[in-house]
């Protein structure tokens, strides 16, 4: 996997694009994640791995009672976008700059780990999954939402189609820069 450079400009544009075009996607996933929890109690700790703008974790937080939400990402700009989105909803999140392969959380400290549309981009998916398992408390749950890794040619084709249909307005002049950065489209 090539290293993606999430410059402040690319990070801001990506977050704005996702906010405009994919906002409908996060709530149904959050509802499914919360519905599948065996137990819901006040103060649950939710960790969003490579969550950047906190799209999924903020939707999950809205369905739980006083959760503690921690969002991790390599991009400080993406995390700042998450903070802004949380503040607009009168929610608070903790943001931590760290790689998904080395999460900034103690072992056994998290009730729910969520990771959406990142694992396919990870340099070492096995290390990311091991970190998720490490931070989970006994009885905790992890939810990974991503494209099908069993059919990479299909995943690539679907991404290509999705980008062609939805991305031109977002990417504009940044498309070439994004491609040079190693983004998968």
Protein backbone atom coordinates (compact mmCIF):
# COMPACT_ATOMS: atom_id res chain seq x y z
CA UNK A 1 0.00 0.00 0.00
CA UNK A 2 1.39 3.36 -0.93
CA UNK A 3 1.53 6.09 1.65
CA UNK A 4 -1.29 8.61 1.27
CA UNK A 5 -0.32 12.18 1.97
CA UNK A 6 -3.22 13.86 3.73
CA UNK A 7 -2.11 17.45 3.35
CA UNK A 8 -4.28 20.07 5.07
CA UNK A 9 -5.80 21.02 1.70
CA UNK A 10 -6.65 17.43 0.70
CA UNK A 11 -7.96 16.71 4.22
CA UNK A 12 -10.28 19.74 4.21
CA UNK A 13 -11.55 19.01 0.71
CA UNK A 14 -12.16 15.34 1.52
CA UNK A 15 -14.09 16.20 4.70
CA UNK A 16 -16.19 18.81 2.88
CA UNK A 17 -16.90 16.40 0.03
CA UNK A 18 -17.98 13.63 2.42
CA UNK A 19 -20.17 16.06 4.35
CA UNK A 20 -21.95 17.19 1.18
CA UNK A 21 -22.28 13.91 -0.65
CA UNK A 22 -22.14 10.96 1.74
CA UNK A 23 -23.89 12.28 4.87
CA UNK A 24 -26.84 9.92 4.37
CA UNK A 25 -24.52 6.90 4.64
CA UNK A 26 -23.32 7.31 8.22
CA UNK A 27 -26.60 7.30 10.18
CA UNK A 28 -27.84 3.89 8.91
CA UNK A 29 -24.47 2.32 9.72
CA UNK A 30 -24.48 3.89 13.18
CA UNK A 31 -27.99 2.59 13.82
CA UNK A 32 -26.91 -0.90 12.81
CA UNK A 33 -23.77 -0.78 14.97
CA UNK A 34 -25.68 0.40 18.05
CA UNK A 35 -28.56 -2.01 17.46
CA UNK A 36 -26.09 -4.91 17.41
CA UNK A 37 -24.47 -3.97 20.73
CA UNK A 38 -25.29 -6.59 23.37
CA UNK A 39 -25.51 -3.87 26.02
CA UNK A 40 -25.83 -0.09 26.00
CA UNK A 41 -24.89 1.79 29.13
CA UNK A 42 -24.11 5.42 29.93
CA UNK A 43 -20.52 6.49 29.44
CA UNK A 44 -19.47 3.84 26.93
CA UNK A 45 -16.05 4.47 25.39
CA UNK A 46 -16.16 4.60 21.57
CA UNK A 47 -12.92 4.66 19.58
CA UNK A 48 -13.03 5.65 15.90
CA UNK A 49 -9.92 4.31 14.14
CA UNK A 50 -8.68 6.59 11.35
CA UNK A 51 -11.94 8.46 11.87
CA UNK A 52 -10.77 11.91 10.80
CA UNK A 53 -13.90 14.07 10.56
CA UNK A 54 -15.74 11.71 12.96
CA UNK A 55 -18.62 11.06 10.57
CA UNK A 56 -19.51 7.62 11.93
CA UNK A 57 -18.56 8.15 15.57
CA UNK A 58 -20.69 11.29 15.90
CA UNK A 59 -23.70 9.39 14.55
CA UNK A 60 -22.99 6.55 17.00
CA UNK A 61 -22.60 9.08 19.84
CA UNK A 62 -26.04 10.53 19.08
CA UNK A 63 -27.54 7.09 19.75
CA UNK A 64 -25.78 6.43 23.06
CA UNK A 65 -26.12 8.02 26.48
CA UNK A 66 -23.16 10.27 27.37
CA UNK A 67 -20.51 8.31 25.46
CA UNK A 68 -16.83 9.15 25.62
CA UNK A 69 -15.79 9.41 21.96
CA UNK A 70 -12.15 9.15 20.94
CA UNK A 71 -11.24 9.75 17.30
CA UNK A 72 -7.81 8.82 15.94
CA UNK A 73 -6.22 9.81 12.67
CA UNK A 74 -2.83 10.70 11.22
CA UNK A 75 -4.13 14.04 9.96
CA UNK A 76 -4.48 16.87 12.50
CA UNK A 77 -6.58 18.74 9.91
CA UNK A 78 -9.04 15.83 9.63
CA UNK A 79 -9.29 15.67 13.42
CA UNK A 80 -9.91 19.42 13.60
CA UNK A 81 -12.77 18.92 11.17
CA UNK A 82 -14.15 16.28 13.54
CA UNK A 83 -13.87 18.67 16.49
CA UNK A 84 -15.74 21.35 14.54
CA UNK A 85 -18.48 18.91 13.54
CA UNK A 86 -18.81 17.73 17.16
CA UNK A 87 -19.03 21.31 18.47
CA UNK A 88 -21.76 22.11 15.93
CA UNK A 89 -23.75 19.26 17.52
CA UNK A 90 -22.90 20.33 21.07
CA UNK A 91 -20.84 17.15 21.51
CA UNK A 92 -17.29 16.71 22.68
CA UNK A 93 -14.74 14.30 21.25
CA UNK A 94 -11.16 13.52 22.13
CA UNK A 95 -8.85 13.65 19.14
CA UNK A 96 -5.57 11.77 19.01
CA UNK A 97 -3.01 11.91 16.23
CA UNK A 98 -1.66 8.38 15.89
CA UNK A 99 -1.29 5.62 13.32
CA UNK A 100 -3.99 2.97 13.25
CA UNK A 101 -1.24 0.39 13.72
CA UNK A 102 -0.34 1.92 17.11
CA UNK A 103 -3.48 3.30 18.74
CA UNK A 104 -3.11 5.84 21.53
CA UNK A 105 -5.36 4.01 24.01
CA UNK A 106 -4.66 1.67 26.91
CA UNK A 107 -5.26 -2.05 26.51
CA UNK A 108 -8.76 -3.15 27.44
CA UNK A 109 -10.12 0.41 27.73
CA UNK A 110 -12.66 0.65 24.87
CA UNK A 111 -16.23 -0.65 24.68
CA UNK A 112 -16.75 -0.11 20.96
CA UNK A 113 -14.23 0.30 18.14
CA UNK A 114 -15.47 1.56 14.78
CA UNK A 115 -13.47 1.83 11.58
CA UNK A 116 -15.12 2.90 8.34
CA UNK A 117 -13.50 2.91 4.91
CA UNK A 118 -9.93 2.73 6.13
CA UNK A 119 -8.78 -0.86 6.46
CA UNK A 120 -8.26 -1.25 2.70
CA UNK A 121 -5.86 1.71 2.86
CA UNK A 122 -3.84 0.47 5.84
CA UNK A 123 -0.21 -0.40 5.28
CA UNK A 124 -0.61 -3.36 7.66
CA UNK A 125 -4.26 -4.36 8.08
CA UNK A 126 -3.30 -7.23 10.41
CA UNK A 127 -1.56 -4.78 12.76
CA UNK A 128 -4.61 -2.48 12.71
CA UNK A 129 -6.91 -5.37 13.60
CA UNK A 130 -4.52 -6.50 16.35
CA UNK A 131 -4.57 -2.98 17.81
CA UNK A 132 -8.35 -2.91 17.74
CA UNK A 133 -8.41 -6.20 19.64
CA UNK A 134 -5.81 -4.91 22.13
CA UNK A 135 -7.79 -1.83 23.13
CA UNK A 136 -11.14 -3.59 23.43
CA UNK A 137 -12.42 -4.21 26.95
CA UNK A 138 -13.66 -7.71 27.76
CA UNK A 139 -17.00 -8.07 26.00
CA UNK A 140 -16.25 -5.05 23.78
CA UNK A 141 -17.19 -4.95 20.13
CA UNK A 142 -15.42 -3.87 16.96
CA UNK A 143 -17.13 -2.89 13.73
CA UNK A 144 -15.17 -2.55 10.49
CA UNK A 145 -17.04 -1.22 7.48
CA UNK A 146 -15.10 -1.41 4.25
CA UNK A 147 -15.09 -2.64 0.70
CA UNK A 148 -14.73 -6.33 -0.07
CA UNK A 149 -11.05 -7.27 0.03
CA UNK A 150 -11.78 -10.67 -1.54
CA UNK A 151 -12.38 -9.07 -4.91
CA UNK A 152 -9.84 -6.26 -5.23
CA UNK A 153 -10.49 -5.87 -8.95
CA UNK A 154 -14.19 -5.33 -8.21
CA UNK A 155 -13.45 -2.96 -5.34
CA UNK A 156 -11.17 -0.95 -7.61
CA UNK A 157 -13.79 -0.87 -10.33
CA UNK A 158 -16.51 0.24 -7.89
CA UNK A 159 -14.26 2.99 -6.57
CA UNK A 160 -13.54 4.11 -10.11
CA UNK A 161 -17.25 4.26 -10.95
CA UNK A 162 -18.08 6.02 -7.68
CA UNK A 163 -15.39 8.61 -8.26
CA UNK A 164 -16.47 9.26 -11.83
CA UNK A 165 -20.09 9.74 -10.75
CA UNK A 166 -19.61 11.74 -7.58
CA UNK A 167 -16.17 13.25 -7.30
CA UNK A 168 -15.70 15.76 -10.16
CA UNK A 169 -17.29 18.65 -8.28
CA UNK A 170 -15.26 17.85 -5.15
CA UNK A 171 -11.91 17.17 -6.71
CA UNK A 172 -11.74 19.75 -9.43
CA UNK A 173 -8.13 20.86 -9.68
CA UNK A 174 -7.11 18.68 -6.73
CA UNK A 175 -7.76 15.42 -8.56
CA UNK A 176 -4.27 15.25 -10.04
CA UNK A 177 -2.70 16.16 -6.70
CA UNK A 178 -4.80 13.52 -4.95
CA UNK A 179 -3.76 10.88 -7.46
CA UNK A 180 -0.08 11.77 -6.93
CA UNK A 181 -0.70 11.45 -3.19
CA UNK A 182 -1.61 7.79 -3.62
CA UNK A 183 -5.37 8.03 -3.12
CA UNK A 184 -7.08 4.94 -4.58
CA UNK A 185 -8.74 6.81 -7.45
